[in-house]
Amino acid sequence: MPYEPIRREPLKQMLDKLREAIYKPVAELDVTAWVTPEPVTYEE
């Protein structure tokens, strides 16, 4: 098989297509965090 360098534009198109297929949002994300002055165990 002969060597053929990858052209920049087809490579960009392929990466964009992969990115769109992989990074699809599925839902809104809501996060709540608490800060404590001392370390707290996971059981509490």
PDB file of N, CA and C in Angstrom:
ATOM      1  N   MET A   1       0.845  -1.170   0.000  1.00  0.00           N
ATOM      2  CA  MET A   1       0.000   0.000   0.000  1.00  0.00           C
ATOM      3  C   MET A   1       0.895   1.238   0.000  1.00  0.00           C
ATOM      4  N   PRO A   2       0.717   2.121  -0.955  1.00  0.00           N
ATOM      5  CA  PRO A   2       1.579   3.308  -1.014  1.00  0.00           C
ATOM      6  C   PRO A   2       1.261   4.297   0.107  1.00  0.00           C
ATOM      7  N   TYR A   3       2.283   5.006   0.510  1.00  0.00           N
ATOM      8  CA  TYR A   3       2.117   6.022   1.554  1.00  0.00           C
ATOM      9  C   TYR A   3       1.434   7.244   0.959  1.00  0.00           C
ATOM     10  N   GLU A   4       0.419   7.734   1.652  1.00  0.00           N
ATOM     11  CA  GLU A   4      -0.259   8.953   1.218  1.00  0.00           C
ATOM     12  C   GLU A   4      -0.505   9.814   2.447  1.00  0.00           C
ATOM     13  N   PRO A   5       0.079  10.999   2.486  1.00  0.00           N
ATOM     14  CA  PRO A   5      -0.113  11.850   3.666  1.00  0.00           C
ATOM     15  C   PRO A   5      -1.568  12.282   3.809  1.00  0.00           C
ATOM     16  N   ILE A   6      -1.992  12.445   5.041  1.00  0.00           N
ATOM     17  CA  ILE A   6      -3.363  12.873   5.313  1.00  0.00           C
ATOM     18  C   ILE A   6      -3.457  14.366   5.036  1.00  0.00           C
ATOM     19  N   ARG A   7      -4.432  14.742   4.269  1.00  0.00           N
ATOM     20  CA  ARG A   7      -4.652  16.155   3.961  1.00  0.00           C
ATOM     21  C   ARG A   7      -5.341  16.824   5.151  1.00  0.00           C
ATOM     22  N   ARG A   8      -5.024  18.063   5.370  1.00  0.00           N
ATOM     23  CA  ARG A   8      -5.524  18.791   6.539  1.00  0.00           C
ATOM     24  C   ARG A   8      -7.054  18.903   6.567  1.00  0.00           C
ATOM     25  N   GLU A   9      -7.692  19.265   5.467  1.00  0.00           N
ATOM     26  CA  GLU A   9      -9.150  19.475   5.453  1.00  0.00           C
ATOM     27  C   GLU A   9      -9.928  18.176   5.678  1.00  0.00           C
ATOM     28  N   PRO A  10      -9.619  17.082   4.973  1.00  0.00           N
ATOM     29  CA  PRO A  10     -10.343  15.832   5.273  1.00  0.00           C
ATOM     30  C   PRO A  10     -10.136  15.369   6.721  1.00  0.00           C
ATOM     31  N   LEU A  11      -8.949  15.597   7.251  1.00  0.00           N
ATOM     32  CA  LEU A  11      -8.686  15.219   8.642  1.00  0.00           C
ATOM     33  C   LEU A  11      -9.552  16.053   9.587  1.00  0.00           C
ATOM     34  N   LYS A  12      -9.644  17.361   9.339  1.00  0.00           N
ATOM     35  CA  LYS A  12     -10.485  18.229  10.169  1.00  0.00           C
ATOM     36  C   LYS A  12     -11.946  17.802  10.087  1.00  0.00           C
ATOM     37  N   GLN A  13     -12.428  17.475   8.902  1.00  0.00           N
ATOM     38  CA  GLN A  13     -13.815  17.036   8.738  1.00  0.00           C
ATOM     39  C   GLN A  13     -14.074  15.745   9.517  1.00  0.00           C
ATOM     40  N   MET A  14     -13.123  14.820   9.434  1.00  0.00           N
ATOM     41  CA  MET A  14     -13.277  13.552  10.140  1.00  0.00           C
ATOM     42  C   MET A  14     -13.287  13.776  11.658  1.00  0.00           C
ATOM     43  N   LEU A  15     -12.393  14.620  12.158  1.00  0.00           N
ATOM     44  CA  LEU A  15     -12.346  14.896  13.595  1.00  0.00           C
ATOM     45  C   LEU A  15     -13.617  15.600  14.066  1.00  0.00           C
ATOM     46  N   ASP A  16     -14.138  16.532  13.271  1.00  0.00           N
ATOM     47  CA  ASP A  16     -15.393  17.201  13.625  1.00  0.00           C
ATOM     48  C   ASP A  16     -16.544  16.202  13.687  1.00  0.00           C
ATOM     49  N   LYS A  17     -16.590  15.296  12.731  1.00  0.00           N
ATOM     50  CA  LYS A  17     -17.651  14.285  12.704  1.00  0.00           C
ATOM     51  C   LYS A  17     -17.560  13.372  13.930  1.00  0.00           C
ATOM     52  N   LEU A  18     -16.349  12.955  14.279  1.00  0.00           N
ATOM     53  CA  LEU A  18     -16.155  12.123  15.471  1.00  0.00           C
ATOM     54  C   LEU A  18     -16.547  12.883  16.737  1.00  0.00           C
ATOM     55  N   ARG A  19     -16.138  14.147  16.824  1.00  0.00           N
ATOM     56  CA  ARG A  19     -16.444  14.959  18.004  1.00  0.00           C
ATOM     57  C   ARG A  19     -17.955  15.105  18.182  1.00  0.00           C
ATOM     58  N   GLU A  20     -18.675  15.337  17.095  1.00  0.00           N
ATOM     59  CA  GLU A  20     -20.132  15.465  17.165  1.00  0.00           C
ATOM     60  C   GLU A  20     -20.792  14.159  17.617  1.00  0.00           C
ATOM     61  N   ALA A  21     -20.238  13.023  17.202  1.00  0.00           N
ATOM     62  CA  ALA A  21     -20.820  11.728  17.552  1.00  0.00           C
ATOM     63  C   ALA A  21     -20.511  11.343  18.999  1.00  0.00           C
ATOM     64  N   ILE A  22     -19.378  11.783  19.515  1.00  0.00           N
ATOM     65  CA  ILE A  22     -18.955  11.375  20.851  1.00  0.00           C
ATOM     66  C   ILE A  22     -19.507  12.298  21.927  1.00  0.00           C
ATOM     67  N   TYR A  23     -19.429  13.593  21.725  1.00  0.00           N
ATOM     68  CA  TYR A  23     -19.771  14.560  22.768  1.00  0.00           C
ATOM     69  C   TYR A  23     -21.177  15.106  22.584  1.00  0.00           C
ATOM     70  N   LYS A  24     -22.176  14.228  22.709  1.00  0.00           N
ATOM     71  CA  LYS A  24     -23.566  14.657  22.611  1.00  0.00           C
ATOM     72  C   LYS A  24     -24.129  14.831  24.014  1.00  0.00           C
ATOM     73  N   PRO A  25     -24.639  16.025  24.328  1.00  0.00           N
ATOM     74  CA  PRO A  25     -25.262  16.199  25.640  1.00  0.00           C
ATOM     75  C   PRO A  25     -26.528  15.355  25.738  1.00  0.00           C
ATOM     76  N   VAL A  26     -26.717  14.712  26.873  1.00  0.00           N
ATOM     77  CA  VAL A  26     -27.895  13.864  27.057  1.00  0.00           C
ATOM     78  C   VAL A  26     -28.886  14.463  28.051  1.00  0.00           C
ATOM     79  N   ALA A  27     -28.423  15.372  28.928  1.00  0.00           N
ATOM     80  CA  ALA A  27     -29.317  15.983  29.909  1.00  0.00           C
ATOM     81  C   ALA A  27     -28.629  17.191  30.534  1.00  0.00           C
ATOM     82  N   GLU A  28     -29.428  18.027  31.167  1.00  0.00           N
ATOM     83  CA  GLU A  28     -28.878  19.143  31.931  1.00  0.00           C
ATOM     84  C   GLU A  28     -28.163  18.575  33.160  1.00  0.00           C
ATOM     85  N   LEU A  29     -27.129  19.245  33.604  1.00  0.00           N
ATOM     86  CA  LEU A  29     -26.380  18.799  34.773  1.00  0.00           C
ATOM     87  C   LEU A  29     -26.539  19.838  35.874  1.00  0.00           C
ATOM     88  N   ASP A  30     -26.961  19.385  37.055  1.00  0.00           N
ATOM     89  CA  ASP A  30     -27.133  20.260  38.206  1.00  0.00           C
ATOM     90  C   ASP A  30     -26.291  19.701  39.344  1.00  0.00           C
ATOM     91  N   VAL A  31     -25.443  20.540  39.929  1.00  0.00           N
ATOM     92  CA  VAL A  31     -24.528  20.088  40.970  1.00  0.00           C
ATOM     93  C   VAL A  31     -24.697  20.964  42.207  1.00  0.00           C
ATOM     94  N   THR A  32     -24.702  20.318  43.380  1.00  0.00           N
ATOM     95  CA  THR A  32     -24.733  21.026  44.652  1.00  0.00           C
ATOM     96  C   THR A  32     -23.529  20.565  45.462  1.00  0.00           C
ATOM     97  N   ALA A  33     -22.808  21.514  46.064  1.00  0.00           N
ATOM     98  CA  ALA A  33     -21.621  21.157  46.845  1.00  0.00           C
ATOM     99  C   ALA A  33     -21.659  21.884  48.181  1.00  0.00           C
ATOM    100  N   TRP A  34     -21.087  21.263  49.194  1.00  0.00           N
ATOM    101  CA  TRP A  34     -20.990  21.866  50.511  1.00  0.00           C
ATOM    102  C   TRP A  34     -19.525  21.911  50.915  1.00  0.00           C
ATOM    103  N   VAL A  35     -19.155  22.968  51.612  1.00  0.00           N
ATOM    104  CA  VAL A  35     -17.787  23.119  52.105  1.00  0.00           C
ATOM    105  C   VAL A  35     -17.837  23.062  53.625  1.00  0.00           C
ATOM    106  N   THR A  36     -16.970  22.228  54.210  1.00  0.00           N
ATOM    107  CA  THR A  36     -16.905  22.119  55.670  1.00  0.00           C
ATOM    108  C   THR A  36     -15.522  22.552  56.134  1.00  0.00           C
ATOM    109  N   PRO A  37     -15.418  23.095  57.344  1.00  0.00           N
ATOM    110  CA  PRO A  37     -14.119  23.554  57.826  1.00  0.00           C
ATOM    111  C   PRO A  37     -13.171  22.401  58.184  1.00  0.00           C
ATOM    112  N   GLU A  38     -13.703  21.218  58.450  1.00  0.00           N
ATOM    113  CA  GLU A  38     -12.851  20.084  58.833  1.00  0.00           C
ATOM    114  C   GLU A  38     -13.168  18.894  57.926  1.00  0.00           C
ATOM    115  N   PRO A  39     -12.271  17.940  57.846  1.00  0.00           N
ATOM    116  CA  PRO A  39     -12.562  16.744  57.051  1.00  0.00           C
ATOM    117  C   PRO A  39     -13.759  15.985  57.630  1.00  0.00           C
ATOM    118  N   VAL A  40     -14.627  15.506  56.775  1.00  0.00           N
ATOM    119  CA  VAL A  40     -15.815  14.764  57.186  1.00  0.00           C
ATOM    120  C   VAL A  40     -15.763  13.399  56.509  1.00  0.00           C
ATOM    121  N   THR A  41     -16.105  12.349  57.256  1.00  0.00           N
ATOM    122  CA  THR A  41     -16.095  11.010  56.671  1.00  0.00           C
ATOM    123  C   THR A  41     -17.269  10.858  55.710  1.00  0.00           C
ATOM    124  N   TYR A  42     -17.201   9.875  54.862  1.00  0.00           N
ATOM    125  CA  TYR A  42     -18.266   9.637  53.886  1.00  0.00           C
ATOM    126  C   TYR A  42     -19.568   9.188  54.552  1.00  0.00           C
ATOM    127  N   GLU A  43     -19.483   8.587  55.744  1.00  0.00           N
ATOM    128  CA  GLU A  43     -20.673   8.098  56.420  1.00  0.00           C
ATOM    129  C   GLU A  43     -21.556   9.231  56.921  1.00  0.00           C
ATOM    130  N   GLU A  44     -20.983  10.391  57.168  1.00  0.00           N
ATOM    131  CA  GLU A  44     -21.760  11.511  57.733  1.00  0.00           C
ATOM    132  C   GLU A  44     -22.524  12.254  56.669  1.00  0.00           C
TER     133      GLU A  44
END
